[in-house]
Each structure stands twice: as C-alpha cells, then as structure tokens.
Amino acid sequence: MREPDDRALERAAGGRLWRMAGLAAVAGLAWAARDVPAQLGGRLAGARAERAARSPRFRDGTFHNPSGTRSTMVADPGRNLVKELIFGKQKRRPDSAVPLLRPADPAPADPARELSVVWYGHASTLVEIEGHRVLLDPVWSDRCSPSALVGPRRIHEPPVRLEELPRLDAILISHDHYDHLDMETVRGLLAHQSAPFLVPLGVGAHLDRWGVPEDRIVELDWNESHRVGGLTLTATAAQHFSGRGLRRDGTLWSSWVIAGAQRKVFYTGDSGYFDGYAEIGAEHGPFDVTLMQIGAYDRAWPSIHMFPEEAVAAHLDLRGGLFVPVHWATFNLALHDWSEPVDRLWAEAKARDVRLAVPRPGERVVVDEPPAVDGWWQAVA
C-alpha cells in the first residue's frame, strides 16, 4: 500500500503547485492591469456634460464629424485584415535603429520672428514661437495602450526625457486616443510643468480623473480660442473620432491653430481629408508651417486618416508654407511599410513644389531655414 500512497501524495503536491501557479498568474495579470481602469479616463458628467450638449457637434449623446462622416471601416469583401496583420508581407519596422538627436539650445533670435519645431516622434512635437513653447500631443510611454504589457510598442525611444523639456507655456491635446493622450505622460507633465492643458470638449474628464487641477484644464469647442501670453490658441475642425474604451465619440477631436503676433502654425491632429481645410486656411491662414499627419492610413479607413498625397493637398488648402510630417515612424498602427508614408510624401511634395522638412526625432527645424531633405530614413528602413 506504500506505493499508491506515495503516488497520491505526489498528485496532491502537483495539484497544489498548479493551483499556486494559477493563482500567481492571476495575481500577475491583476497587477499588470491595475492601471487599466484609470487609463480609460473619465466620463462626461455635470457641468462638463451640459457644456458638451450645447455644442453644435453633439447630438444623440455623441460628437459628430462636420460632414456626418462615420468612423466605421469600409467593407472590403476580398480582404482579411486579421490575416494581413499576422501574415502580411509589409515591412512595418525598420531594420536598424532610428537615429535620434538631442536638440541643441537655439541660437539667439529675434523673439518677434522666432519659429521652430522639434519633433520627438509620432505626433509629439514642440513648437517654439515668438518666445513661447507649446507642446503637442505628448506621449512618452513605451506603449500607446491602456496596458503596459500589450499594445503597440515604441519603435524608438523619446530623444529627451520628459523632465528635460524646457518650460512650457501650453500643452495641446488633439483627441483622446492612446497615441495622443497618455496618462503617465500627463502625470509627468503635471509634476514637472505648470502649463495649462488645452483640450477639445470632454477630454478634460480624463485629465480630471488623472489629478490635473481644474485651473489647468481649458476645454474648447471648434472655433473657440484661448489666449496664453502673446499666443492665440484655437481649436479647429478635424474629421476623426474618439474613445479610450468600448464607448465611441464621447469626447471631441480637433486640429489646432497656434498664432502669435507674426507667426502661425497649424497642426492636423488625426483627420481624414475634408473640405474643412480650405475653410481653415481662408479664416486662419496663411501658415508659416503645417504639422501634418501622414501615417497609419489604410483603404479600410479612408475618412479618418489622410494618405500622404491627401496631406499635401490639405497643406495647400491651408495655405501652408513649410510642411513637416508627423504621425509616423514611432508606433506601428497600420499595415503599410514603416517608411512608405514619408517616401510617398517626398514624391508628392516634389511633384507639387511643396517646401518640405523631414527631421529626425529630436531635430530642431528652424522654419525660416529648414534642413534639406536627405532621405535619412532610407538608410534604416
């Protein structure tokens, strides 16, 4: 009888080990997901919800695009997106490291004419204008996701640490998607900066949940402006959508106009091509520089992200001067090759005689003296 007792003990011990391993796995998943509820952000309520309901963009409980365009995917019966994502032949990451630069301190300039741009990767960009510093859509986290374990991961590191940023006068957010609004980055900026956050309607609910004081949150509808020092910051139209969880379009999305006494900048945020660009150009242009979304496009979602050729058309509609591309190179969010957006952009810019600068992450572009396009990405792609 001894041998069966030993086997029974072994089975019991093995069962305990499996149960312990299962509990450990569950505990590990719970630990990894501990921040997910906070990452989802807040919801419209109270005075914020009442203000949203008064917006011309808001009806039936959600925000809407100017033309009524839906953010749903276009059906393509002959295409399997999941299969293409897993087995597709697109080269969605570069072969070698993306070159990073640390922007040197700018040379002394006439503050009244100062205008430069530092692109940190994806859409995160610093605009230096007439002695002021405006940060756009900052994302410093490793993933643009509610989870630290899954979701699109950075292809390159930020070229500077968050605490190394210069003193900011304003932080602009275009919409609440994870690759444009990041909880940990917001909390870092809250600790290291005193600048206000300017956001589209409803996005303040997320900031409020993450501990941003009410007096540092400025929510704007399209065509509303806020003064910061000598700058006028205006939320303008875009054709996109919003949402950090299962609910869609509970907050507004926007593009931005940054206007000083003499210089002007336009930033698209995320958007499909629409006739609103010509209207913005007529009302607010011409612009010294436009920061244009060129990546993460696909024929399955043509109305919410521009193709590179459309971005050039939008730049011309806006009456833009220098074109600086953003929303590429940092996160793999679509099925095209990593370098395809900028290759297509360069060809279209040359065909339409558009002034173009394609900086490395961290490189400062002085708008009046932009660097020549040198194809740096081709060496790593």
Protein backbone atom coordinates (compact mmCIF):
# COMPACT_ATOMS: atom_id res chain seq x y z
CA MET A 1 0.00 0.00 0.00
CA ARG A 2 3.00 2.29 0.36
CA GLU A 3 3.47 2.96 -3.37
CA PRO A 4 -0.11 4.14 -4.04
CA ASP A 5 0.12 6.47 -1.04
CA ASP A 6 3.29 7.99 -2.49
CA ARG A 7 1.63 8.49 -5.85
CA ALA A 8 -1.36 10.10 -4.18
CA LEU A 9 0.92 12.45 -2.28
CA GLU A 10 2.75 13.33 -5.47
CA ARG A 11 -0.54 14.03 -7.25
CA ALA A 12 -1.74 16.18 -4.37
CA ALA A 13 1.54 18.08 -4.30
CA GLY A 14 1.39 18.55 -8.06
CA GLY A 15 -2.16 19.83 -7.80
CA ARG A 16 -1.11 22.34 -5.18
CA LEU A 17 1.73 23.53 -7.39
CA TRP A 18 -0.63 24.00 -10.34
CA ARG A 19 -3.10 25.90 -8.15
CA MET A 20 -0.27 28.09 -6.81
CA ALA A 21 0.97 28.72 -10.36
CA GLY A 22 -2.57 29.60 -11.45
CA LEU A 23 -3.01 31.97 -8.54
CA ALA A 24 0.35 33.55 -9.31
CA ALA A 25 -0.65 34.01 -12.95
CA VAL A 26 -3.94 35.60 -11.96
CA ALA A 27 -2.16 37.84 -9.49
CA GLY A 28 0.36 38.81 -12.16
CA LEU A 29 -2.39 39.70 -14.63
CA ALA A 30 -4.21 41.68 -11.94
CA TRP A 31 -1.01 43.57 -11.14
CA ALA A 32 -0.35 44.31 -14.82
CA ALA A 33 -3.94 45.51 -15.29
CA ARG A 34 -4.09 47.59 -12.14
CA ASP A 35 -3.85 50.89 -14.04
CA VAL A 36 -6.26 49.96 -16.85
CA PRO A 37 -9.40 51.45 -15.22
CA ALA A 38 -7.61 54.76 -14.67
CA GLN A 39 -6.15 54.65 -18.21
CA LEU A 40 -9.68 54.54 -19.60
CA GLY A 41 -10.15 58.03 -18.20
CA GLY A 42 -13.27 59.81 -17.05
CA ARG A 43 -16.77 60.27 -18.44
CA LEU A 44 -18.83 63.33 -19.21
CA ALA A 45 -20.82 64.42 -16.19
CA GLY A 46 -22.16 67.53 -14.52
CA ALA A 47 -21.27 70.93 -15.96
CA ARG A 48 -18.87 69.32 -18.47
CA ALA A 49 -21.68 67.19 -19.91
CA GLU A 50 -24.03 70.18 -20.02
CA ARG A 51 -21.50 72.20 -21.96
CA ALA A 52 -20.88 69.34 -24.40
CA ALA A 53 -24.63 69.05 -25.01
CA ARG A 54 -24.70 72.69 -26.15
CA SER A 55 -22.09 72.07 -28.86
CA PRO A 56 -23.29 72.05 -32.48
CA ARG A 57 -21.12 68.94 -32.86
CA PHE A 58 -23.01 67.00 -30.15
CA ARG A 59 -26.27 65.13 -30.68
CA ASP A 60 -27.81 61.85 -29.58
CA GLY A 61 -25.20 61.54 -26.85
CA THR A 62 -22.06 61.70 -29.02
CA PHE A 63 -19.92 64.09 -31.05
CA HIS A 64 -20.08 64.04 -34.85
CA ASN A 65 -17.87 64.98 -37.77
CA PRO A 66 -18.69 68.14 -39.74
CA SER A 67 -19.90 66.24 -42.78
CA GLY A 68 -21.56 63.45 -40.83
CA THR A 69 -18.74 61.10 -41.90
CA ARG A 70 -18.69 57.91 -39.84
CA SER A 71 -15.53 56.42 -38.38
CA THR A 72 -16.53 52.87 -39.31
CA MET A 73 -14.29 50.77 -41.54
CA VAL A 74 -15.03 50.41 -45.23
CA ALA A 75 -16.09 46.88 -46.15
CA ASP A 76 -13.71 45.01 -48.46
CA PRO A 77 -15.14 41.52 -49.17
CA GLY A 78 -11.89 40.22 -50.64
CA ARG A 79 -9.70 41.23 -47.72
CA ASN A 80 -8.94 39.67 -44.32
CA LEU A 81 -7.38 42.37 -42.14
CA VAL A 82 -6.57 39.99 -39.28
CA LYS A 83 -4.77 37.59 -41.63
CA GLU A 84 -2.94 40.52 -43.23
CA LEU A 85 -1.91 41.81 -39.84
CA ILE A 86 -0.40 38.45 -38.84
CA PHE A 87 0.92 37.16 -42.15
CA GLY A 88 1.21 40.27 -44.29
CA LYS A 89 4.47 40.94 -46.10
CA GLN A 90 4.60 44.63 -45.24
CA LYS A 91 7.79 45.73 -43.54
CA ARG A 92 6.31 47.52 -40.55
CA ARG A 93 9.53 48.10 -38.60
CA PRO A 94 12.93 49.45 -39.71
CA ASP A 95 15.96 47.16 -39.96
CA SER A 96 18.14 49.28 -37.70
CA ALA A 97 17.77 51.93 -35.03
CA VAL A 98 16.01 55.18 -35.86
CA PRO A 99 18.59 57.97 -35.45
CA LEU A 100 17.80 60.29 -32.54
CA LEU A 101 19.08 63.80 -31.92
CA ARG A 102 19.12 65.93 -28.81
CA PRO A 103 18.11 69.45 -29.85
CA ALA A 104 20.84 71.93 -29.06
CA ASP A 105 19.89 75.22 -27.46
CA PRO A 106 18.72 77.54 -30.25
CA ALA A 107 20.92 80.42 -31.30
CA PRO A 108 19.78 83.84 -30.07
CA ALA A 109 16.96 85.03 -32.31
CA ASP A 110 14.59 87.91 -32.70
CA PRO A 111 11.78 86.83 -30.35
CA ALA A 112 9.22 88.52 -32.58
CA ARG A 113 10.21 86.28 -35.52
CA GLU A 114 11.20 83.08 -33.72
CA LEU A 115 9.60 79.94 -35.10
CA SER A 116 10.99 76.43 -34.87
CA VAL A 117 9.69 72.90 -34.43
CA VAL A 118 11.15 69.93 -32.55
CA TRP A 119 9.52 66.63 -33.50
CA TYR A 120 10.02 64.00 -30.77
CA GLY A 121 8.32 61.15 -32.62
CA HIS A 122 4.79 60.18 -33.69
CA ALA A 123 2.68 63.31 -33.10
CA SER A 124 4.62 64.65 -30.08
CA THR A 125 6.02 67.99 -31.16
CA LEU A 126 7.35 71.16 -29.53
CA VAL A 127 6.51 74.46 -31.22
CA GLU A 128 8.81 77.36 -30.30
CA ILE A 129 7.08 80.55 -31.39
CA GLU A 130 7.84 84.17 -30.52
CA GLY A 131 9.42 83.27 -27.19
CA HIS A 132 6.71 80.75 -26.21
CA ARG A 133 6.80 76.95 -26.04
CA VAL A 134 3.77 74.82 -26.96
CA LEU A 135 3.83 71.01 -26.69
CA LEU A 136 1.51 68.95 -28.91
CA ASP A 137 0.07 65.50 -28.09
CA PRO A 138 2.92 64.33 -25.82
CA VAL A 139 3.31 60.56 -25.46
CA TRP A 140 6.46 59.34 -23.68
CA SER A 141 5.26 55.88 -22.59
CA ASP A 142 6.60 52.66 -24.06
CA ARG A 143 3.20 51.60 -25.37
CA CYS A 144 0.17 53.51 -26.65
CA SER A 145 -2.28 51.26 -24.87
CA PRO A 146 -4.25 51.00 -21.62
CA SER A 147 -1.94 48.09 -20.70
CA ALA A 148 1.80 48.12 -20.06
CA LEU A 149 2.03 44.55 -21.42
CA VAL A 150 0.13 44.63 -24.71
CA GLY A 151 -0.49 47.14 -27.48
CA PRO A 152 1.69 48.99 -29.98
CA ARG A 153 5.21 49.45 -28.62
CA ARG A 154 7.61 52.26 -29.44
CA ILE A 155 9.98 51.70 -32.34
CA HIS A 156 12.39 54.29 -30.95
CA GLU A 157 12.92 55.92 -27.57
CA PRO A 158 11.98 59.55 -26.95
CA PRO A 159 15.03 61.66 -27.82
CA VAL A 160 14.81 63.52 -24.49
CA ARG A 161 13.41 62.65 -21.09
CA LEU A 162 10.15 64.27 -20.09
CA GLU A 163 11.81 66.20 -17.28
CA GLU A 164 14.33 67.63 -19.75
CA LEU A 165 11.70 69.57 -21.67
CA PRO A 166 12.00 73.36 -21.48
CA ARG A 167 9.45 75.38 -19.57
CA LEU A 168 6.17 75.12 -21.45
CA ASP A 169 3.51 77.79 -21.92
CA ALA A 170 0.78 75.41 -23.10
CA ILE A 171 0.12 71.72 -23.76
CA LEU A 172 -2.32 70.97 -26.59
CA ILE A 173 -4.19 67.67 -27.00
CA SER A 174 -5.97 66.88 -30.27
CA HIS A 175 -8.10 63.94 -29.08
CA ASP A 176 -8.20 61.15 -26.52
CA HIS A 177 -6.75 58.16 -28.38
CA TYR A 178 -3.85 56.46 -26.60
CA ASP A 179 -1.23 57.53 -29.13
CA HIS A 180 -2.14 61.19 -28.50
CA LEU A 181 -3.21 61.28 -24.85
CA ASP A 182 -1.15 59.25 -22.39
CA MET A 183 -1.92 59.08 -18.67
CA GLU A 184 1.65 58.62 -17.44
CA THR A 185 2.93 61.44 -19.63
CA VAL A 186 0.19 63.74 -18.35
CA ARG A 187 1.13 62.89 -14.78
CA GLY A 188 4.78 63.53 -15.55
CA LEU A 189 3.99 66.91 -17.06
CA LEU A 190 1.83 67.70 -14.06
CA ALA A 191 4.85 67.13 -11.83
CA HIS A 192 7.44 68.97 -13.94
CA GLN A 193 5.48 71.75 -15.65
CA SER A 194 2.94 74.41 -14.70
CA ALA A 195 1.45 74.99 -18.17
CA PRO A 196 -2.29 74.61 -18.83
CA PHE A 197 -3.69 71.72 -20.87
CA LEU A 198 -5.85 72.87 -23.79
CA VAL A 199 -8.14 70.09 -24.96
CA PRO A 200 -11.30 69.54 -27.05
CA LEU A 201 -14.65 69.34 -25.27
CA GLY A 202 -14.98 66.41 -22.89
CA VAL A 203 -11.29 65.47 -22.79
CA GLY A 204 -10.99 67.39 -19.54
CA ALA A 205 -12.84 64.50 -17.85
CA HIS A 206 -9.79 62.28 -18.43
CA LEU A 207 -7.39 64.89 -17.08
CA ASP A 208 -9.62 65.45 -14.08
CA ARG A 209 -9.54 61.74 -13.22
CA TRP A 210 -5.74 61.76 -13.50
CA GLY A 211 -5.34 64.57 -10.99
CA VAL A 212 -4.90 67.64 -13.20
CA PRO A 213 -6.25 70.67 -11.30
CA GLU A 214 -9.32 72.33 -12.78
CA ASP A 215 -7.47 75.62 -13.22
CA ARG A 216 -5.01 73.89 -15.57
CA ILE A 217 -7.71 72.47 -17.88
CA VAL A 218 -9.09 74.56 -20.76
CA GLU A 219 -11.74 72.82 -22.89
CA LEU A 220 -12.64 74.27 -26.28
CA ASP A 221 -15.18 73.58 -28.98
CA TRP A 222 -14.23 74.12 -32.61
CA ASN A 223 -13.59 77.77 -33.47
CA GLU A 224 -13.11 78.70 -29.81
CA SER A 225 -9.84 80.34 -28.76
CA HIS A 226 -7.81 80.83 -25.61
CA ARG A 227 -5.03 83.35 -25.02
CA VAL A 228 -1.76 82.24 -23.42
CA GLY A 229 0.74 85.06 -23.11
CA GLY A 230 1.07 86.52 -26.59
CA LEU A 231 -0.42 83.48 -28.33
CA THR A 232 -3.94 82.74 -29.51
CA LEU A 233 -4.66 79.00 -29.48
CA THR A 234 -7.72 77.95 -31.48
CA ALA A 235 -9.38 74.54 -31.70
CA THR A 236 -10.39 73.91 -35.31
CA ALA A 237 -12.25 71.18 -37.16
CA ALA A 238 -10.99 67.68 -37.92
CA GLN A 239 -12.58 64.55 -39.34
CA HIS A 240 -11.88 61.71 -36.93
CA PHE A 241 -13.39 60.02 -33.84
CA SER A 242 -12.59 59.44 -30.17
CA GLY A 243 -12.72 56.86 -27.41
CA ARG A 244 -10.49 55.02 -24.94
CA GLY A 245 -12.76 52.03 -24.27
CA LEU A 246 -15.85 50.47 -25.80
CA ARG A 247 -17.72 53.78 -25.96
CA ARG A 248 -17.04 55.91 -29.04
CA ASP A 249 -17.20 59.66 -29.65
CA GLY A 250 -17.93 60.73 -26.10
CA THR A 251 -15.31 63.47 -26.41
CA LEU A 252 -14.50 65.87 -29.24
CA TRP A 253 -11.45 65.76 -31.54
CA SER A 254 -9.78 68.77 -33.13
CA SER A 255 -6.96 70.31 -35.09
CA TRP A 256 -5.15 73.38 -33.70
CA VAL A 257 -4.08 76.83 -34.82
CA ILE A 258 -1.20 78.42 -32.90
CA ALA A 259 -1.00 82.13 -33.71
CA GLY A 260 1.45 84.70 -32.43
CA ALA A 261 1.67 88.34 -33.39
CA GLN A 262 3.52 87.49 -36.62
CA ARG A 263 3.85 83.71 -36.97
CA LYS A 264 1.25 80.97 -37.40
CA VAL A 265 1.31 77.17 -37.07
CA PHE A 266 -1.31 74.57 -37.96
CA TYR A 267 -1.47 71.03 -36.54
CA THR A 268 -3.87 68.46 -38.00
CA GLY A 269 -4.24 66.09 -35.08
CA ASP A 270 -5.69 62.96 -36.69
CA SER A 271 -8.05 63.51 -39.60
CA GLY A 272 -9.22 62.35 -42.95
CA TYR A 273 -9.10 64.76 -45.86
CA PHE A 274 -12.14 67.07 -45.95
CA ASP A 275 -13.16 70.47 -47.27
CA GLY A 276 -12.71 71.99 -43.82
CA TYR A 277 -9.01 72.52 -44.56
CA ALA A 278 -9.79 75.13 -47.19
CA GLU A 279 -12.13 76.86 -44.73
CA ILE A 280 -9.47 76.87 -42.01
CA GLY A 281 -6.91 78.22 -44.47
CA ALA A 282 -9.24 81.00 -45.54
CA GLU A 283 -10.08 82.00 -41.96
CA HIS A 284 -6.77 81.50 -40.18
CA GLY A 285 -4.06 81.16 -42.84
CA PRO A 286 -1.63 81.51 -44.34
CA PHE A 287 0.55 79.36 -42.06
CA ASP A 288 4.32 79.53 -41.77
CA VAL A 289 4.41 75.79 -41.08
CA THR A 290 1.92 72.94 -41.00
CA LEU A 291 2.38 69.78 -38.92
CA MET A 292 0.56 67.16 -40.96
CA GLN A 293 -0.47 63.60 -40.13
CA ILE A 294 0.89 61.28 -42.83
CA GLY A 295 0.95 57.77 -41.31
CA ALA A 296 -1.37 54.97 -40.14
CA TYR A 297 -3.58 55.12 -43.22
CA ASP A 298 -5.38 52.31 -44.99
CA ARG A 299 -8.06 51.98 -47.65
CA ALA A 300 -10.23 50.38 -44.93
CA TRP A 301 -10.43 53.69 -43.02
CA PRO A 302 -10.00 56.44 -45.65
CA SER A 303 -12.21 59.01 -43.93
CA ILE A 304 -10.31 59.28 -40.63
CA HIS A 305 -6.59 59.25 -41.57
CA MET A 306 -5.11 61.01 -44.58
CA PHE A 307 -2.97 59.34 -47.18
CA PRO A 308 0.31 61.25 -47.76
CA GLU A 309 -0.91 62.70 -51.04
CA GLU A 310 -4.03 63.98 -49.30
CA ALA A 311 -1.89 65.57 -46.60
CA VAL A 312 -0.08 67.55 -49.31
CA ALA A 313 -3.44 68.64 -50.76
CA ALA A 314 -4.59 69.68 -47.27
CA HIS A 315 -1.36 71.65 -46.76
CA LEU A 316 -2.07 73.57 -49.96
CA ASP A 317 -5.70 74.12 -48.92
CA LEU A 318 -4.43 75.54 -45.65
CA ARG A 319 -2.11 77.94 -47.49
CA GLY A 320 0.84 76.40 -45.71
CA GLY A 321 4.47 77.36 -46.10
CA LEU A 322 6.77 74.62 -44.78
CA PHE A 323 5.37 71.09 -44.45
CA VAL A 324 6.64 69.00 -41.50
CA PRO A 325 5.24 65.42 -41.34
CA VAL A 326 4.13 63.85 -38.06
CA HIS A 327 2.30 60.67 -37.01
CA TRP A 328 4.78 58.23 -38.47
CA ALA A 329 7.98 56.30 -37.52
CA THR A 330 7.25 55.71 -33.80
CA PHE A 331 4.29 53.34 -33.38
CA ASN A 332 3.21 50.60 -35.78
CA LEU A 333 -0.50 51.37 -36.18
CA ALA A 334 -1.29 50.30 -39.74
CA LEU A 335 -0.42 47.71 -42.38
CA HIS A 336 1.80 49.79 -44.64
CA ASP A 337 5.61 49.64 -44.67
CA TRP A 338 7.34 51.67 -41.96
CA SER A 339 8.89 54.12 -44.43
CA GLU A 340 6.09 54.20 -47.01
CA PRO A 341 4.35 57.34 -45.69
CA VAL A 342 7.41 59.56 -45.96
CA ASP A 343 8.51 58.06 -49.30
CA ARG A 344 5.10 58.87 -50.78
CA LEU A 345 5.13 62.29 -49.16
CA TRP A 346 8.54 63.20 -50.57
CA ALA A 347 7.46 62.23 -54.09
CA GLU A 348 4.21 64.19 -53.86
CA ALA A 349 5.89 67.26 -52.33
CA LYS A 350 8.36 67.37 -55.21
CA ALA A 351 5.59 66.90 -57.77
CA ARG A 352 3.57 69.80 -56.28
CA ASP A 353 6.51 72.05 -55.39
CA VAL A 354 5.82 71.99 -51.65
CA ARG A 355 8.57 73.02 -49.21
CA LEU A 356 9.31 70.02 -47.03
CA ALA A 357 11.40 69.23 -43.96
CA VAL A 358 11.68 65.67 -42.60
CA PRO A 359 13.52 65.88 -39.27
CA ARG A 360 14.98 63.01 -37.29
CA PRO A 361 13.31 62.61 -33.89
CA GLY A 362 14.71 65.35 -31.67
CA GLU A 363 15.97 67.52 -34.52
CA ARG A 364 15.05 71.20 -34.36
CA VAL A 365 13.71 72.66 -37.60
CA VAL A 366 14.07 76.43 -37.87
CA VAL A 367 11.14 77.21 -40.13
CA ASP A 368 12.86 80.06 -41.98
CA GLU A 369 15.99 77.93 -42.58
CA PRO A 370 14.83 74.28 -42.78
CA PRO A 371 17.32 71.49 -43.42
CA ALA A 372 17.34 69.90 -46.85
CA VAL A 373 15.51 66.59 -47.13
CA ASP A 374 18.26 63.94 -47.14
CA GLY A 375 16.33 60.67 -47.07
CA TRP A 376 17.79 59.65 -43.69
CA TRP A 377 15.01 57.10 -43.10
CA GLN A 378 16.02 55.09 -46.17
CA ALA A 379 19.29 54.08 -44.50
CA VAL A 380 17.43 52.35 -41.66
CA ALA A 381 14.31 51.16 -43.49
